[in-house]
PDB file of N, CA and C in Angstrom:
ATOM      1  N   MET A   1     -13.492   3.949   8.120  1.00  0.00           N
ATOM      2  CA  MET A   1     -12.754   2.849   8.699  1.00  0.00           C
ATOM      3  C   MET A   1     -12.740   1.681   7.715  1.00  0.00           C
ATOM      4  N   VAL A   2     -11.656   0.961   7.674  1.00  0.00           N
ATOM      5  CA  VAL A   2     -11.501  -0.165   6.763  1.00  0.00           C
ATOM      6  C   VAL A   2     -11.720  -1.453   7.534  1.00  0.00           C
ATOM      7  N   ALA A   3     -12.608  -2.276   7.030  1.00  0.00           N
ATOM      8  CA  ALA A   3     -12.854  -3.578   7.656  1.00  0.00           C
ATOM      9  C   ALA A   3     -12.315  -4.660   6.739  1.00  0.00           C
ATOM     10  N   MET A   4     -11.577  -5.583   7.304  1.00  0.00           N
ATOM     11  CA  MET A   4     -11.036  -6.688   6.522  1.00  0.00           C
ATOM     12  C   MET A   4     -11.400  -7.989   7.205  1.00  0.00           C
ATOM     13  N   ALA A   5     -11.824  -8.948   6.419  1.00  0.00           N
ATOM     14  CA  ALA A   5     -12.133 -10.269   6.958  1.00  0.00           C
ATOM     15  C   ALA A   5     -10.834 -10.988   7.298  1.00  0.00           C
ATOM     16  N   ILE A   6     -10.887 -11.782   8.328  1.00  0.00           N
ATOM     17  CA  ILE A   6      -9.720 -12.574   8.682  1.00  0.00           C
ATOM     18  C   ILE A   6      -9.603 -13.691   7.675  1.00  0.00           C
ATOM     19  N   GLY A   7      -8.463 -13.832   7.116  1.00  0.00           N
ATOM     20  CA  GLY A   7      -8.232 -14.841   6.089  1.00  0.00           C
ATOM     21  C   GLY A   7      -6.787 -14.769   5.659  1.00  0.00           C
ATOM     22  N   SER A   8      -6.565 -15.055   4.425  1.00  0.00           N
ATOM     23  CA  SER A   8      -5.198 -15.011   3.923  1.00  0.00           C
ATOM     24  C   SER A   8      -5.136 -14.146   2.674  1.00  0.00           C
ATOM     25  N   ILE A   9      -3.964 -13.648   2.409  1.00  0.00           N
ATOM     26  CA  ILE A   9      -3.714 -12.903   1.184  1.00  0.00           C
ATOM     27  C   ILE A   9      -2.573 -13.598   0.465  1.00  0.00           C
ATOM     28  N   SER A  10      -2.539 -13.443  -0.836  1.00  0.00           N
ATOM     29  CA  SER A  10      -1.422 -14.021  -1.572  1.00  0.00           C
ATOM     30  C   SER A  10      -0.508 -12.892  -2.034  1.00  0.00           C
ATOM     31  N   LEU A  11       0.778 -13.154  -1.941  1.00  0.00           N
ATOM     32  CA  LEU A  11       1.786 -12.188  -2.358  1.00  0.00           C
ATOM     33  C   LEU A  11       2.697 -12.821  -3.389  1.00  0.00           C
ATOM     34  N   ASP A  12       3.148 -12.019  -4.329  1.00  0.00           N
ATOM     35  CA  ASP A  12       4.192 -12.484  -5.234  1.00  0.00           C
ATOM     36  C   ASP A  12       5.470 -12.703  -4.425  1.00  0.00           C
ATOM     37  N   ARG A  13       6.262 -13.680  -4.789  1.00  0.00           N
ATOM     38  CA  ARG A  13       7.552 -13.909  -4.113  1.00  0.00           C
ATOM     39  C   ARG A  13       8.403 -12.651  -4.157  1.00  0.00           C
ATOM     40  N   TYR A  14       8.277 -11.885  -5.214  1.00  0.00           N
ATOM     41  CA  TYR A  14       9.052 -10.654  -5.379  1.00  0.00           C
ATOM     42  C   TYR A  14       8.854  -9.713  -4.185  1.00  0.00           C
ATOM     43  N   VAL A  15       7.641  -9.646  -3.660  1.00  0.00           N
ATOM     44  CA  VAL A  15       7.335  -8.736  -2.558  1.00  0.00           C
ATOM     45  C   VAL A  15       8.205  -9.054  -1.345  1.00  0.00           C
ATOM     46  N   VAL A  16       8.341 -10.324  -1.036  1.00  0.00           N
ATOM     47  CA  VAL A  16       9.136 -10.739   0.125  1.00  0.00           C
ATOM     48  C   VAL A  16      10.626 -10.813  -0.207  1.00  0.00           C
ATOM     49  N   ASP A  17      10.958 -11.336  -1.365  1.00  0.00           N
ATOM     50  CA  ASP A  17      12.362 -11.553  -1.722  1.00  0.00           C
ATOM     51  C   ASP A  17      13.104 -10.280  -2.109  1.00  0.00           C
ATOM     52  N   VAL A  18      12.425  -9.327  -2.734  1.00  0.00           N
ATOM     53  CA  VAL A  18      13.108  -8.143  -3.258  1.00  0.00           C
ATOM     54  C   VAL A  18      12.553  -6.839  -2.687  1.00  0.00           C
ATOM     55  N   LEU A  19      11.244  -6.653  -2.792  1.00  0.00           N
ATOM     56  CA  LEU A  19      10.656  -5.373  -2.393  1.00  0.00           C
ATOM     57  C   LEU A  19      10.875  -5.066  -0.915  1.00  0.00           C
ATOM     58  N   MET A  20      10.725  -6.064  -0.050  1.00  0.00           N
ATOM     59  CA  MET A  20      10.933  -5.842   1.374  1.00  0.00           C
ATOM     60  C   MET A  20      12.356  -5.343   1.639  1.00  0.00           C
ATOM     61  N   ARG A  21      13.328  -6.015   1.071  1.00  0.00           N
ATOM     62  CA  ARG A  21      14.727  -5.619   1.279  1.00  0.00           C
ATOM     63  C   ARG A  21      14.996  -4.227   0.707  1.00  0.00           C
ATOM     64  N   ASP A  22      14.374  -3.927  -0.433  1.00  0.00           N
ATOM     65  CA  ASP A  22      14.577  -2.640  -1.082  1.00  0.00           C
ATOM     66  C   ASP A  22      13.984  -1.491  -0.256  1.00  0.00           C
ATOM     67  N   LEU A  23      12.754  -1.635   0.201  1.00  0.00           N
ATOM     68  CA  LEU A  23      12.118  -0.571   0.982  1.00  0.00           C
ATOM     69  C   LEU A  23      12.718  -0.439   2.377  1.00  0.00           C
ATOM     70  N   VAL A  24      12.963  -1.565   3.024  1.00  0.00           N
ATOM     71  CA  VAL A  24      13.479  -1.538   4.400  1.00  0.00           C
ATOM     72  C   VAL A  24      14.965  -1.207   4.434  1.00  0.00           C
ATOM     73  N   GLY A  25      15.765  -1.881   3.589  1.00  0.00           N
ATOM     74  CA  GLY A  25      17.212  -1.693   3.616  1.00  0.00           C
ATOM     75  C   GLY A  25      17.690  -0.498   2.829  1.00  0.00           C
ATOM     76  N   HIS A  26      17.341  -0.451   1.547  1.00  0.00           N
ATOM     77  CA  HIS A  26      17.845   0.607   0.677  1.00  0.00           C
ATOM     78  C   HIS A  26      17.199   1.957   0.982  1.00  0.00           C
ATOM     79  N   ASP A  27      15.871   1.992   1.034  1.00  0.00           N
ATOM     80  CA  ASP A  27      15.166   3.253   1.277  1.00  0.00           C
ATOM     81  C   ASP A  27      15.067   3.596   2.758  1.00  0.00           C
ATOM     82  N   ARG A  28      15.409   2.648   3.623  1.00  0.00           N
ATOM     83  CA  ARG A  28      15.328   2.835   5.077  1.00  0.00           C
ATOM     84  C   ARG A  28      13.936   3.307   5.493  1.00  0.00           C
ATOM     85  N   CYS A  29      12.927   2.636   4.939  1.00  0.00           N
ATOM     86  CA  CYS A  29      11.546   3.019   5.222  1.00  0.00           C
ATOM     87  C   CYS A  29      10.681   1.770   5.412  1.00  0.00           C
ATOM     88  N   PRO A  30      10.873   1.064   6.531  1.00  0.00           N
ATOM     89  CA  PRO A  30      10.064  -0.135   6.752  1.00  0.00           C
ATOM     90  C   PRO A  30       8.570   0.171   6.791  1.00  0.00           C
ATOM     91  N   SER A  31       8.216   1.389   7.164  1.00  0.00           N
ATOM     92  CA  SER A  31       6.796   1.755   7.192  1.00  0.00           C
ATOM     93  C   SER A  31       6.185   1.686   5.795  1.00  0.00           C
ATOM     94  N   ALA A  32       6.954   1.971   4.757  1.00  0.00           N
ATOM     95  CA  ALA A  32       6.440   1.892   3.389  1.00  0.00           C
ATOM     96  C   ALA A  32       6.080   0.449   3.046  1.00  0.00           C
ATOM     97  N   PHE A  33       6.871  -0.496   3.518  1.00  0.00           N
ATOM     98  CA  PHE A  33       6.564  -1.913   3.269  1.00  0.00           C
ATOM     99  C   PHE A  33       5.282  -2.306   3.997  1.00  0.00           C
ATOM    100  N   VAL A  34       5.134  -1.869   5.243  1.00  0.00           N
ATOM    101  CA  VAL A  34       3.930  -2.172   6.030  1.00  0.00           C
ATOM    102  C   VAL A  34       2.697  -1.565   5.355  1.00  0.00           C
ATOM    103  N   VAL A  35       2.800  -0.329   4.903  1.00  0.00           N
ATOM    104  CA  VAL A  35       1.678   0.338   4.240  1.00  0.00           C
ATOM    105  C   VAL A  35       1.352  -0.352   2.918  1.00  0.00           C
ATOM    106  N   TYR A  36       2.361  -0.758   2.147  1.00  0.00           N
ATOM    107  CA  TYR A  36       2.108  -1.483   0.901  1.00  0.00           C
ATOM    108  C   TYR A  36       1.332  -2.767   1.186  1.00  0.00           C
ATOM    109  N   LEU A  37       1.739  -3.500   2.218  1.00  0.00           N
ATOM    110  CA  LEU A  37       1.025  -4.728   2.575  1.00  0.00           C
ATOM    111  C   LEU A  37      -0.415  -4.432   2.990  1.00  0.00           C
ATOM    112  N   ALA A  38      -0.628  -3.363   3.749  1.00  0.00           N
ATOM    113  CA  ALA A  38      -1.983  -3.005   4.180  1.00  0.00           C
ATOM    114  C   ALA A  38      -2.859  -2.652   2.979  1.00  0.00           C
ATOM    115  N   ILE A  39      -2.317  -1.893   2.047  1.00  0.00           N
ATOM    116  CA  ILE A  39      -3.071  -1.532   0.837  1.00  0.00           C
ATOM    117  C   ILE A  39      -3.364  -2.775   0.021  1.00  0.00           C
ATOM    118  N   HIS A  40      -2.366  -3.616  -0.148  1.00  0.00           N
ATOM    119  CA  HIS A  40      -2.542  -4.857  -0.914  1.00  0.00           C
ATOM    120  C   HIS A  40      -3.623  -5.738  -0.281  1.00  0.00           C
ATOM    121  N   ALA A  41      -3.586  -5.872   1.027  1.00  0.00           N
ATOM    122  CA  ALA A  41      -4.543  -6.730   1.728  1.00  0.00           C
ATOM    123  C   ALA A  41      -5.965  -6.182   1.661  1.00  0.00           C
ATOM    124  N   ALA A  42      -6.094  -4.864   1.673  1.00  0.00           N
ATOM    125  CA  ALA A  42      -7.419  -4.245   1.684  1.00  0.00           C
ATOM    126  C   ALA A  42      -7.986  -4.013   0.287  1.00  0.00           C
ATOM    127  N   ALA A  43      -7.186  -4.261  -0.728  1.00  0.00           N
ATOM    128  CA  ALA A  43      -7.578  -3.923  -2.100  1.00  0.00           C
ATOM    129  C   ALA A  43      -8.481  -4.976  -2.724  1.00  0.00           C
ATOM    130  N   GLU A  44      -9.745  -4.933  -2.355  1.00  0.00           N
ATOM    131  CA  GLU A  44     -10.713  -5.799  -3.010  1.00  0.00           C
ATOM    132  C   GLU A  44     -10.990  -5.201  -4.381  1.00  0.00           C
ATOM    133  N   GLU A  45     -11.104  -6.041  -5.371  1.00  0.00           N
ATOM    134  CA  GLU A  45     -11.323  -5.599  -6.742  1.00  0.00           C
ATOM    135  C   GLU A  45     -10.229  -4.635  -7.193  1.00  0.00           C
ATOM    136  N   GLY A  46      -9.033  -4.790  -6.641  1.00  0.00           N
ATOM    137  CA  GLY A  46      -7.888  -4.006  -7.087  1.00  0.00           C
ATOM    138  C   GLY A  46      -7.719  -2.644  -6.460  1.00  0.00           C
ATOM    139  N   ARG A  47      -8.653  -2.209  -5.622  1.00  0.00           N
ATOM    140  CA  ARG A  47      -8.563  -0.870  -5.030  1.00  0.00           C
ATOM    141  C   ARG A  47      -8.911  -0.901  -3.545  1.00  0.00           C
ATOM    142  N   ALA A  48      -8.292  -0.001  -2.794  1.00  0.00           N
ATOM    143  CA  ALA A  48      -8.574   0.128  -1.360  1.00  0.00           C
ATOM    144  C   ALA A  48      -8.884   1.591  -1.061  1.00  0.00           C
ATOM    145  N   LEU A  49      -9.923   1.832  -0.293  1.00  0.00           N
ATOM    146  CA  LEU A  49     -10.304   3.185   0.091  1.00  0.00           C
ATOM    147  C   LEU A  49      -9.868   3.403   1.538  1.00  0.00           C
ATOM    148  N   PHE A  50      -8.982   4.380   1.744  1.00  0.00           N
ATOM    149  CA  PHE A  50      -8.419   4.654   3.069  1.00  0.00           C
ATOM    150  C   PHE A  50      -8.344   6.146   3.325  1.00  0.00           C
ATOM    151  N   SER A  51      -8.625   6.551   4.540  1.00  0.00           N
ATOM    152  CA  SER A  51      -8.166   7.859   5.008  1.00  0.00           C
ATOM    153  C   SER A  51      -6.811   7.586   5.652  1.00  0.00           C
ATOM    154  N   TYR A  52      -6.015   8.615   5.825  1.00  0.00           N
ATOM    155  CA  TYR A  52      -4.732   8.396   6.495  1.00  0.00           C
ATOM    156  C   TYR A  52      -4.940   7.923   7.932  1.00  0.00           C
ATOM    157  N   GLN A  53      -6.002   8.403   8.578  1.00  0.00           N
ATOM    158  CA  GLN A  53      -6.269   7.979   9.953  1.00  0.00           C
ATOM    159  C   GLN A  53      -6.628   6.497  10.006  1.00  0.00           C
ATOM    160  N   ALA A  54      -7.455   6.037   9.060  1.00  0.00           N
ATOM    161  CA  ALA A  54      -7.815   4.614   9.014  1.00  0.00           C
ATOM    162  C   ALA A  54      -6.586   3.759   8.735  1.00  0.00           C
ATOM    163  N   MET A  55      -5.722   4.246   7.854  1.00  0.00           N
ATOM    164  CA  MET A  55      -4.485   3.522   7.546  1.00  0.00           C
ATOM    165  C   MET A  55      -3.600   3.454   8.787  1.00  0.00           C
ATOM    166  N   ALA A  56      -3.509   4.551   9.513  1.00  0.00           N
ATOM    167  CA  ALA A  56      -2.710   4.587  10.742  1.00  0.00           C
ATOM    168  C   ALA A  56      -3.273   3.619  11.782  1.00  0.00           C
ATOM    169  N   ASP A  57      -4.588   3.613  11.933  1.00  0.00           N
ATOM    170  CA  ASP A  57      -5.222   2.704  12.890  1.00  0.00           C
ATOM    171  C   ASP A  57      -4.972   1.242  12.516  1.00  0.00           C
ATOM    172  N   LEU A  58      -5.047   0.944  11.238  1.00  0.00           N
ATOM    173  CA  LEU A  58      -4.857  -0.428  10.766  1.00  0.00           C
ATOM    174  C   LEU A  58      -3.415  -0.915  10.942  1.00  0.00           C
ATOM    175  N   THR A  59      -2.458  -0.037  10.647  1.00  0.00           N
ATOM    176  CA  THR A  59      -1.043  -0.449  10.656  1.00  0.00           C
ATOM    177  C   THR A  59      -0.346  -0.244  11.990  1.00  0.00           C
ATOM    178  N   GLY A  60      -0.897   0.604  12.850  1.00  0.00           N
ATOM    179  CA  GLY A  60      -0.228   0.925  14.105  1.00  0.00           C
ATOM    180  C   GLY A  60       0.823   2.011  13.942  1.00  0.00           C
ATOM    181  N   LEU A  61       0.877   2.624  12.776  1.00  0.00           N
ATOM    182  CA  LEU A  61       1.822   3.714  12.505  1.00  0.00           C
ATOM    183  C   LEU A  61       1.123   5.045  12.754  1.00  0.00           C
ATOM    184  N   SER A  62       1.896   6.110  12.844  1.00  0.00           N
ATOM    185  CA  SER A  62       1.281   7.432  12.981  1.00  0.00           C
ATOM    186  C   SER A  62       0.726   7.872  11.626  1.00  0.00           C
ATOM    187  N   LYS A  63      -0.194   8.827  11.679  1.00  0.00           N
ATOM    188  CA  LYS A  63      -0.787   9.343  10.446  1.00  0.00           C
ATOM    189  C   LYS A  63       0.292   9.958   9.554  1.00  0.00           C
ATOM    190  N   ARG A  64       1.199  10.712  10.123  1.00  0.00           N
ATOM    191  CA  ARG A  64       2.271  11.355   9.347  1.00  0.00           C
ATOM    192  C   ARG A  64       3.200  10.307   8.721  1.00  0.00           C
ATOM    193  N   THR A  65       3.498   9.249   9.458  1.00  0.00           N
ATOM    194  CA  THR A  65       4.335   8.174   8.922  1.00  0.00           C
ATOM    195  C   THR A  65       3.646   7.513   7.735  1.00  0.00           C
ATOM    196  N   CYS A  66       2.335   7.323   7.825  1.00  0.00           N
ATOM    197  CA  CYS A  66       1.575   6.758   6.702  1.00  0.00           C
ATOM    198  C   CYS A  66       1.624   7.690   5.496  1.00  0.00           C
ATOM    199  N   GLN A  67       1.506   8.997   5.726  1.00  0.00           N
ATOM    200  CA  GLN A  67       1.579   9.965   4.625  1.00  0.00           C
ATOM    201  C   GLN A  67       2.932   9.880   3.925  1.00  0.00           C
ATOM    202  N   ASN A  68       4.009   9.821   4.708  1.00  0.00           N
ATOM    203  CA  ASN A  68       5.351   9.719   4.126  1.00  0.00           C
ATOM    204  C   ASN A  68       5.526   8.409   3.371  1.00  0.00           C
ATOM    205  N   ALA A  69       5.005   7.328   3.925  1.00  0.00           N
ATOM    206  CA  ALA A  69       5.127   6.019   3.287  1.00  0.00           C
ATOM    207  C   ALA A  69       4.374   5.991   1.960  1.00  0.00           C
ATOM    208  N   VAL A  70       3.165   6.541   1.944  1.00  0.00           N
ATOM    209  CA  VAL A  70       2.377   6.582   0.706  1.00  0.00           C
ATOM    210  C   VAL A  70       3.093   7.431  -0.345  1.00  0.00           C
ATOM    211  N   ALA A  71       3.667   8.548   0.065  1.00  0.00           N
ATOM    212  CA  ALA A  71       4.402   9.399  -0.876  1.00  0.00           C
ATOM    213  C   ALA A  71       5.565   8.626  -1.501  1.00  0.00           C
ATOM    214  N   LEU A  72       6.299   7.870  -0.699  1.00  0.00           N
ATOM    215  CA  LEU A  72       7.408   7.064  -1.215  1.00  0.00           C
ATOM    216  C   LEU A  72       6.896   5.987  -2.167  1.00  0.00           C
ATOM    217  N   LEU A  73       5.833   5.291  -1.772  1.00  0.00           N
ATOM    218  CA  LEU A  73       5.279   4.238  -2.625  1.00  0.00           C
ATOM    219  C   LEU A  73       4.791   4.814  -3.958  1.00  0.00           C
ATOM    220  N   HIS A  74       4.207   5.982  -3.915  1.00  0.00           N
ATOM    221  CA  HIS A  74       3.733   6.624  -5.145  1.00  0.00           C
ATOM    222  C   HIS A  74       4.911   7.027  -6.034  1.00  0.00           C
ATOM    223  N   ARG A  75       5.942   7.623  -5.433  1.00  0.00           N
ATOM    224  CA  ARG A  75       7.152   8.000  -6.192  1.00  0.00           C
ATOM    225  C   ARG A  75       7.806   6.792  -6.838  1.00  0.00           C
ATOM    226  N   ARG A  76       7.798   5.678  -6.133  1.00  0.00           N
ATOM    227  CA  ARG A  76       8.424   4.447  -6.624  1.00  0.00           C
ATOM    228  C   ARG A  76       7.541   3.695  -7.616  1.00  0.00           C
ATOM    229  N   GLY A  77       6.330   4.180  -7.863  1.00  0.00           N
ATOM    230  CA  GLY A  77       5.425   3.528  -8.806  1.00  0.00           C
ATOM    231  C   GLY A  77       4.803   2.256  -8.267  1.00  0.00           C
ATOM    232  N   LEU A  78       4.653   2.172  -6.945  1.00  0.00           N
ATOM    233  CA  LEU A  78       4.091   0.976  -6.311  1.00  0.00           C
ATOM    234  C   LEU A  78       2.618   1.121  -5.952  1.00  0.00           C
ATOM    235  N   VAL A  79       2.114   2.357  -5.929  1.00  0.00           N
ATOM    236  CA  VAL A  79       0.683   2.579  -5.723  1.00  0.00           C
ATOM    237  C   VAL A  79       0.220   3.720  -6.612  1.00  0.00           C
ATOM    238  N   ASP A  80      -1.015   3.606  -7.048  1.00  0.00           N
ATOM    239  CA  ASP A  80      -1.683   4.670  -7.779  1.00  0.00           C
ATOM    240  C   ASP A  80      -2.704   5.262  -6.820  1.00  0.00           C
ATOM    241  N   ILE A  81      -2.815   6.584  -6.776  1.00  0.00           N
ATOM    242  CA  ILE A  81      -3.691   7.257  -5.820  1.00  0.00           C
ATOM    243  C   ILE A  81      -4.687   8.126  -6.579  1.00  0.00           C
ATOM    244  N   SER A  82      -5.952   8.041  -6.187  1.00  0.00           N
ATOM    245  CA  SER A  82      -6.950   8.946  -6.770  1.00  0.00           C
ATOM    246  C   SER A  82      -7.886   9.423  -5.669  1.00  0.00           C
ATOM    247  N   ARG A  83      -8.347  10.661  -5.829  1.00  0.00           N
ATOM    248  CA  ARG A  83      -9.283  11.264  -4.880  1.00  0.00           C
ATOM    249  C   ARG A  83     -10.413  11.903  -5.664  1.00  0.00           C
ATOM    250  N   LYS A  84     -11.614  11.799  -5.136  1.00  0.00           N
ATOM    251  CA  LYS A  84     -12.758  12.443  -5.786  1.00  0.00           C
ATOM    252  C   LYS A  84     -12.832  13.917  -5.406  1.00  0.00           C
ATOM    253  N   GLY A  85     -12.422  14.231  -4.196  1.00  0.00           N
ATOM    254  CA  GLY A  85     -12.430  15.609  -3.719  1.00  0.00           C
ATOM    255  C   GLY A  85     -11.270  15.836  -2.778  1.00  0.00           C
ATOM    256  N   GLY A  86     -10.995  17.073  -2.458  1.00  0.00           N
ATOM    257  CA  GLY A  86      -9.845  17.413  -1.632  1.00  0.00           C
ATOM    258  C   GLY A  86      -9.848  16.811  -0.245  1.00  0.00           C
ATOM    259  N   THR A  87     -11.026  16.612   0.332  1.00  0.00           N
ATOM    260  CA  THR A  87     -11.083  16.086   1.697  1.00  0.00           C
ATOM    261  C   THR A  87     -11.568  14.643   1.754  1.00  0.00           C
ATOM    262  N   ASP A  88     -11.833  14.042   0.611  1.00  0.00           N
ATOM    263  CA  ASP A  88     -12.283  12.648   0.571  1.00  0.00           C
ATOM    264  C   ASP A  88     -11.130  11.695   0.858  1.00  0.00           C
ATOM    265  N   ALA A  89     -11.478  10.519   1.358  1.00  0.00           N
ATOM    266  CA  ALA A  89     -10.464   9.476   1.547  1.00  0.00           C
ATOM    267  C   ALA A  89      -9.929   9.085   0.173  1.00  0.00           C
ATOM    268  N   ALA A  90      -8.679   8.774   0.121  1.00  0.00           N
ATOM    269  CA  ALA A  90      -8.048   8.401  -1.148  1.00  0.00           C
ATOM    270  C   ALA A  90      -8.358   6.948  -1.493  1.00  0.00           C
ATOM    271  N   GLU A  91      -8.351   6.689  -2.785  1.00  0.00           N
ATOM    272  CA  GLU A  91      -8.494   5.327  -3.279  1.00  0.00           C
ATOM    273  C   GLU A  91      -7.120   4.905  -3.793  1.00  0.00           C
ATOM    274  N   TYR A  92      -6.629   3.794  -3.280  1.00  0.00           N
ATOM    275  CA  TYR A  92      -5.289   3.313  -3.616  1.00  0.00           C
ATOM    276  C   TYR A  92      -5.393   2.045  -4.450  1.00  0.00           C
ATOM    277  N   ARG A  93      -4.548   1.961  -5.449  1.00  0.00           N
ATOM    278  CA  ARG A  93      -4.461   0.758  -6.265  1.00  0.00           C
ATOM    279  C   ARG A  93      -3.019   0.265  -6.173  1.00  0.00           C
ATOM    280  N   PRO A  94      -2.803  -0.882  -5.534  1.00  0.00           N
ATOM    281  CA  PRO A  94      -1.429  -1.400  -5.465  1.00  0.00           C
ATOM    282  C   PRO A  94      -0.982  -1.831  -6.854  1.00  0.00           C
ATOM    283  N   LEU A  95       0.214  -1.440  -7.225  1.00  0.00           N
ATOM    284  CA  LEU A  95       0.766  -1.767  -8.537  1.00  0.00           C
ATOM    285  C   LEU A  95       1.868  -2.806  -8.401  1.00  0.00           C
ATOM    286  N   ARG A  96       2.126  -3.506  -9.483  1.00  0.00           N
ATOM    287  CA  ARG A  96       3.197  -4.498  -9.525  1.00  0.00           C
ATOM    288  C   ARG A  96       4.086  -4.198 -10.726  1.00  0.00           C
ATOM    289  N   PRO A  97       4.957  -3.188 -10.620  1.00  0.00           N
ATOM    290  CA  PRO A  97       5.783  -2.818 -11.767  1.00  0.00           C
ATOM    291  C   PRO A  97       6.736  -3.928 -12.211  1.00  0.00           C
ATOM    292  N   TRP A  98       7.005  -4.899 -11.363  1.00  0.00           N
ATOM    293  CA  TRP A  98       7.884  -6.009 -11.715  1.00  0.00           C
ATOM    294  C   TRP A  98       7.160  -7.050 -12.573  1.00  0.00           C
ATOM    295  N   ASP A  99       5.845  -6.923 -12.676  1.00  0.00           N
ATOM    296  CA  ASP A  99       5.044  -7.914 -13.387  1.00  0.00           C
ATOM    297  C   ASP A  99       4.534  -7.363 -14.727  1.00  0.00           C
ATOM    298  N   ARG A 100       5.416  -7.177 -15.662  1.00  0.00           N
ATOM    299  CA  ARG A 100       5.085  -6.729 -17.024  1.00  0.00           C
ATOM    300  C   ARG A 100       3.928  -5.751 -17.098  1.00  0.00           C
ATOM    301  N   GLY A 101       4.247  -4.507 -17.012  1.00  0.00           N
ATOM    302  CA  GLY A 101       3.233  -3.487 -17.181  1.00  0.00           C
ATOM    303  C   GLY A 101       2.682  -2.917 -15.884  1.00  0.00           C
ATOM    304  N   GLY A 102       3.017  -3.513 -14.754  1.00  0.00           N
ATOM    305  CA  GLY A 102       2.606  -2.963 -13.473  1.00  0.00           C
ATOM    306  C   GLY A 102       1.112  -2.966 -13.237  1.00  0.00           C
ATOM    307  N   GLN A 103       0.433  -3.998 -13.685  1.00  0.00           N
ATOM    308  CA  GLN A 103      -1.004  -4.092 -13.494  1.00  0.00           C
ATOM    309  C   GLN A 103      -1.344  -4.113 -12.021  1.00  0.00           C
ATOM    310  N   ALA A 104      -2.596  -3.793 -11.746  1.00  0.00           N
ATOM    311  CA  ALA A 104      -3.079  -3.799 -10.362  1.00  0.00           C
ATOM    312  C   ALA A 104      -2.859  -5.170  -9.750  1.00  0.00           C
ATOM    313  N   SER A 105      -2.553  -5.149  -8.508  1.00  0.00           N
ATOM    314  CA  SER A 105      -2.340  -6.366  -7.758  1.00  0.00           C
ATOM    315  C   SER A 105      -3.661  -7.109  -7.594  1.00  0.00           C
ATOM    316  N   SER A 106      -3.633  -8.397  -7.709  1.00  0.00           N
ATOM    317  CA  SER A 106      -4.865  -9.173  -7.459  1.00  0.00           C
ATOM    318  C   SER A 106      -4.708  -9.899  -6.145  1.00  0.00           C
ATOM    319  N   ALA A 107      -5.475  -9.475  -5.168  1.00  0.00           N
ATOM    320  CA  ALA A 107      -5.355 -10.007  -3.810  1.00  0.00           C
ATOM    321  C   ALA A 107      -5.817 -11.412  -3.670  1.00  0.00           C
TER     322      ALA A 107
END
């Protein structure tokens, strides 16, 4: 389970001005935008550890919807995914390809 302190997160203007419209309007996948925000918010030290079930619980989306959203974000180069083992929770690193080199997002 992912625990997050109540507080604020900072987002690049690009996320709201461009990425939201692109994922929601062009890709017709608003869930991908919600999942990107959840990963970004949970990414302490640049990485977030999530199972699909924890991601679903956090976002209010179904587990399958989260899987599809993560696949889209990965294809689009918006998240990097790594796993230590086949059944381990994945570690996600939100990327910022619009910010010269796509370095990890700093929350």
